[in-house]
Protein backbone atom coordinates (compact mmCIF):
# COMPACT_ATOMS: atom_id res chain seq x y z
CA MET A 1 0.00 0.00 0.00
CA LYS A 2 1.65 3.21 -1.18
CA THR A 3 1.18 6.20 1.11
CA VAL A 4 2.17 9.67 -0.06
CA ALA A 5 2.21 12.86 2.00
CA PHE A 6 2.03 16.34 0.54
CA VAL A 7 2.36 19.82 2.00
CA PRO A 8 0.76 22.55 -0.14
CA ILE A 9 2.83 25.72 0.17
CA LYS A 10 2.31 29.22 -1.15
CA LEU A 11 5.15 31.60 -0.36
CA ASN A 12 3.10 34.78 -0.53
CA ASN A 13 -0.03 34.64 1.59
CA GLU A 14 -2.56 37.45 1.76
CA ARG A 15 -3.56 37.46 5.42
CA THR A 16 -0.04 36.87 6.77
CA PRO A 17 2.56 37.53 4.06
CA GLY A 18 5.25 34.85 3.94
CA LYS A 19 3.79 32.98 6.90
CA ASN A 20 4.89 29.50 5.79
CA ILE A 21 8.56 30.53 5.87
CA LYS A 22 8.21 33.00 8.74
CA GLU A 23 10.63 32.16 11.55
CA PHE A 24 10.02 31.74 15.25
CA GLN A 25 12.38 33.41 17.70
CA ASP A 26 14.90 30.58 17.50
CA GLY A 27 15.07 30.83 13.70
CA THR A 28 12.89 27.78 12.91
CA PRO A 29 10.68 28.40 9.85
CA LEU A 30 7.03 27.53 10.34
CA MET A 31 7.03 24.95 7.55
CA HIS A 32 9.78 22.92 9.22
CA PHE A 33 7.45 21.57 11.91
CA VAL A 34 5.14 19.59 9.64
CA GLN A 35 8.06 18.38 7.54
CA LYS A 36 9.87 16.98 10.60
CA ASN A 37 6.77 15.10 11.70
CA LEU A 38 6.24 13.59 8.26
CA VAL A 39 9.89 12.60 7.89
CA SER A 40 9.80 10.86 11.27
CA LEU A 41 6.75 8.88 10.10
CA LYS A 42 8.53 8.04 6.85
CA LYS A 43 11.39 6.59 8.89
CA GLU A 44 8.83 4.47 10.75
CA GLY A 45 7.58 3.11 7.43
CA LEU A 46 4.13 4.73 7.54
CA ILE A 47 4.85 7.08 4.62
CA ASP A 48 6.63 6.25 1.37
CA GLU A 49 7.07 9.69 -0.21
CA ILE A 50 6.78 13.29 0.97
CA TYR A 51 6.28 16.24 -1.36
CA CYS A 52 6.19 19.98 -0.91
CA TYR A 53 3.62 21.06 -3.50
CA CYS A 54 4.67 24.57 -4.47
CA SER A 55 5.02 26.57 -7.68
CA GLN A 56 8.17 28.43 -6.66
CA LYS A 57 11.62 26.84 -6.63
CA GLU A 58 12.72 29.30 -3.92
CA VAL A 59 10.97 27.00 -1.45
CA LEU A 60 13.83 24.50 -1.89
CA HIS A 61 15.81 26.50 0.66
CA TYR A 62 13.25 25.54 3.32
CA LEU A 63 12.94 21.83 2.60
CA ILE A 64 14.53 19.30 4.93
CA ASP A 65 16.07 15.94 4.00
CA GLY A 66 13.40 13.46 2.99
CA VAL A 67 11.08 16.02 1.40
CA GLU A 68 10.96 16.58 -2.36
CA LEU A 69 9.65 19.55 -4.31
CA LEU A 70 6.85 18.87 -6.76
CA LYS A 71 6.17 22.03 -8.74
CA ARG A 72 2.53 22.84 -9.15
CA PRO A 73 0.98 25.09 -11.81
CA GLU A 74 1.24 28.78 -10.94
CA GLU A 75 -2.46 29.17 -11.65
CA LEU A 76 -3.11 27.33 -8.39
CA ASP A 77 -1.61 30.29 -6.52
CA ARG A 78 -4.47 32.63 -7.43
CA LYS A 79 -6.44 34.01 -4.50
CA GLU A 80 -9.68 32.57 -5.84
CA THR A 81 -8.24 29.03 -5.99
CA LYS A 82 -9.97 26.64 -3.63
CA GLY A 83 -8.18 23.96 -1.66
CA GLY A 84 -10.02 21.21 -3.46
CA GLN A 85 -8.51 22.30 -6.77
CA ILE A 86 -5.00 21.96 -5.32
CA TYR A 87 -5.71 18.53 -3.86
CA ASP A 88 -7.29 17.34 -7.10
CA ALA A 89 -4.25 18.44 -9.10
CA PHE A 90 -1.91 16.57 -6.78
CA VAL A 91 -3.95 13.36 -6.76
CA ARG A 92 -4.08 13.40 -10.57
CA THR A 93 -0.29 13.88 -10.71
CA VAL A 94 0.88 11.42 -8.05
CA VAL A 95 -0.76 8.01 -7.89
CA ALA A 96 -0.99 6.40 -4.45
CA ASP A 97 -3.32 4.28 -2.36
CA VAL A 98 -3.39 6.65 0.62
CA TYR A 99 -2.72 10.39 0.76
CA VAL A 100 -1.69 12.47 3.76
CA LEU A 101 -2.54 16.14 3.31
CA ALA A 102 -0.61 18.21 5.83
CA HIS A 103 -0.65 22.00 6.07
CA ALA A 104 2.18 23.92 7.67
CA THR A 105 -0.26 26.18 9.50
CA SER A 106 -0.95 23.62 12.25
CA PRO A 107 2.63 23.24 13.47
CA PHE A 108 1.97 21.57 16.81
CA VAL A 109 -0.08 18.53 15.78
CA THR A 110 2.02 15.62 17.01
CA SER A 111 3.54 12.95 14.82
CA GLU A 112 1.79 10.41 17.05
CA HIS A 113 -1.63 11.77 16.11
CA ILE A 114 -0.73 12.04 12.43
CA GLY A 115 0.52 8.47 12.55
CA ASP A 116 -2.66 7.35 14.28
CA CYS A 117 -4.75 8.80 11.44
CA ILE A 118 -2.56 7.10 8.83
CA LYS A 119 -2.79 3.71 10.52
CA LYS A 120 -6.57 3.89 10.78
CA VAL A 121 -6.95 4.54 7.05
CA GLN A 122 -4.29 2.01 6.06
CA SER A 123 -6.15 -0.63 8.06
CA GLY A 124 -9.15 -0.30 5.75
CA GLU A 125 -11.51 0.28 8.67
CA TYR A 126 -11.96 3.96 7.77
CA ASP A 127 -12.01 5.73 4.40
CA SER A 128 -10.46 8.89 5.82
CA ALA A 129 -9.17 10.46 9.01
CA PHE A 130 -8.42 13.86 10.49
CA CYS A 131 -7.50 15.54 13.75
CA ALA A 132 -10.07 17.70 15.48
CA LYS A 133 -10.63 19.81 18.56
CA LYS A 134 -13.52 18.71 20.76
CA ILE A 135 -15.89 21.53 21.68
CA GLN A 136 -18.31 21.28 24.58
CA ASN A 137 -19.52 24.80 25.15
CA PHE A 138 -22.43 27.13 24.47
CA LEU A 139 -22.54 27.87 20.76
CA TRP A 140 -24.70 30.34 18.86
CA GLN A 141 -25.60 30.71 15.20
CA ASP A 142 -27.74 33.45 13.60
CA ASP A 143 -28.44 34.89 17.06
CA LYS A 144 -29.88 31.57 18.26
CA PRO A 145 -28.52 28.80 20.49
CA LEU A 146 -26.96 26.12 18.34
CA ASN A 147 -26.42 23.25 20.75
CA PHE A 148 -28.47 24.02 23.87
CA GLU A 149 -31.89 25.16 25.04
CA LEU A 150 -32.18 28.58 26.65
CA SER A 151 -34.67 27.28 29.19
CA ASN A 152 -32.66 24.20 30.08
CA PRO A 153 -28.92 24.57 29.48
CA LEU A 154 -26.88 21.48 30.23
CA ARG A 155 -23.60 21.42 32.07
CA THR A 156 -20.86 21.79 29.47
CA GLN A 157 -19.43 18.36 30.34
CA ASP A 158 -22.83 16.81 29.59
CA MET A 159 -23.16 18.38 26.15
CA LYS A 160 -22.83 16.27 23.03
CA PRO A 161 -19.38 17.09 21.63
CA ILE A 162 -18.94 19.01 18.41
CA TYR A 163 -15.66 18.49 16.59
CA MET A 164 -13.76 21.25 14.78
CA GLU A 165 -11.39 20.01 12.07
CA LEU A 166 -7.72 20.98 12.24
CA SER A 167 -5.80 21.75 9.06
CA THR A 168 -3.41 18.83 9.64
CA PRO A 169 -3.63 16.02 8.81
CA TYR A 170 -6.27 14.86 6.36
CA VAL A 171 -5.70 11.24 5.43
CA PHE A 172 -7.80 9.67 2.68
CA THR A 173 -7.70 6.89 0.14
CA ARG A 174 -7.46 7.55 -3.57
CA GLU A 175 -10.82 5.84 -4.04
CA THR A 176 -12.45 8.12 -1.47
CA PHE A 177 -11.13 11.29 -3.08
CA LEU A 178 -12.13 10.27 -6.60
CA LYS A 179 -15.61 9.31 -5.40
CA TYR A 180 -16.43 12.31 -3.22
CA HIS A 181 -13.90 14.91 -4.42
CA SER A 182 -13.28 15.62 -0.78
CA ARG A 183 -10.45 15.21 1.70
CA SER A 184 -12.88 13.35 4.00
CA GLY A 185 -15.14 10.43 3.23
CA VAL A 186 -18.35 9.06 4.72
CA LYS A 187 -16.59 6.92 7.32
CA PRO A 188 -13.93 9.12 8.88
CA TYR A 189 -11.83 8.46 11.93
CA ILE A 190 -11.65 11.54 14.16
CA CYS A 191 -8.52 11.87 16.26
CA GLU A 192 -9.07 14.19 19.20
CA ALA A 193 -6.29 16.78 19.53
CA SER A 194 -5.23 19.05 22.37
CA GLU A 195 -5.72 22.80 22.66
CA VAL A 196 -2.09 23.39 21.77
CA GLU A 197 -2.33 21.17 18.70
CA ALA A 198 -5.41 23.13 17.62
CA ILE A 199 -3.44 26.37 17.26
CA ASP A 200 -3.83 27.34 13.61
CA ILE A 201 -2.03 30.22 11.93
CA ASP A 202 -4.05 32.47 9.65
CA TYR A 203 -3.27 35.95 10.92
CA PRO A 204 -0.15 37.66 12.37
CA GLU A 205 -1.53 37.44 15.90
CA ASP A 206 -1.91 33.68 15.46
CA PHE A 207 1.77 33.43 14.59
CA ASN A 208 2.70 35.51 17.63
CA LEU A 209 0.69 33.19 19.87
CA ALA A 210 2.29 30.12 18.31
CA ASP A 211 5.74 31.65 18.80
CA VAL A 212 5.07 32.21 22.52
CA VAL A 213 3.72 28.69 22.97
CA TYR A 214 6.67 27.15 21.14
CA MET A 215 9.37 29.13 22.90
CA ASN A 216 7.89 28.87 26.41
CA LEU A 217 6.06 25.54 26.51
CA LEU A 218 7.14 23.21 23.73
CA LYS A 219 10.81 23.94 23.08
């Protein structure tokens, strides 16, 4: 069973320019975290190939041993491009049985949890897998309670959990993607992640938070 991991990278992001190569205080670029996790899983035999899927060769400077550059069409860098278009292009280019989609913007998801997702899909028991943050709290939508009754609110620990997907990893079979054109299928395995793992970097303040967490808690 061939398992291929890919990290979509765009060097110039709109919300946080250059975030994927932005460095923490110790000089570690953001995109190194996900690469290190994937390479460790490759050494364990869970992954066969790892690609950085980027249109710009300048990204080579930020790749670590064990990760190859696969140049993608520049048209996929347009701001109106949707993630699904990028994933579809990769799946059509690289043939594998199982794919591991990993974004650099969730740097603290552990290799153990990524590996857990891979194993569940490789086993054939699930058609896809992803990490998620469990939410048990009072949620509102369109000015109305979403998951509780105003007249009879439950204790938060008694609420039915809602799971928020993280951006890393998404593990899916080739068959699942071709059938649903989605990074998740109809029988997904959900791996519960911690609050720290759920840190996702979209905006500059997100990066600042991640930097503080890394330098003071993780490193």
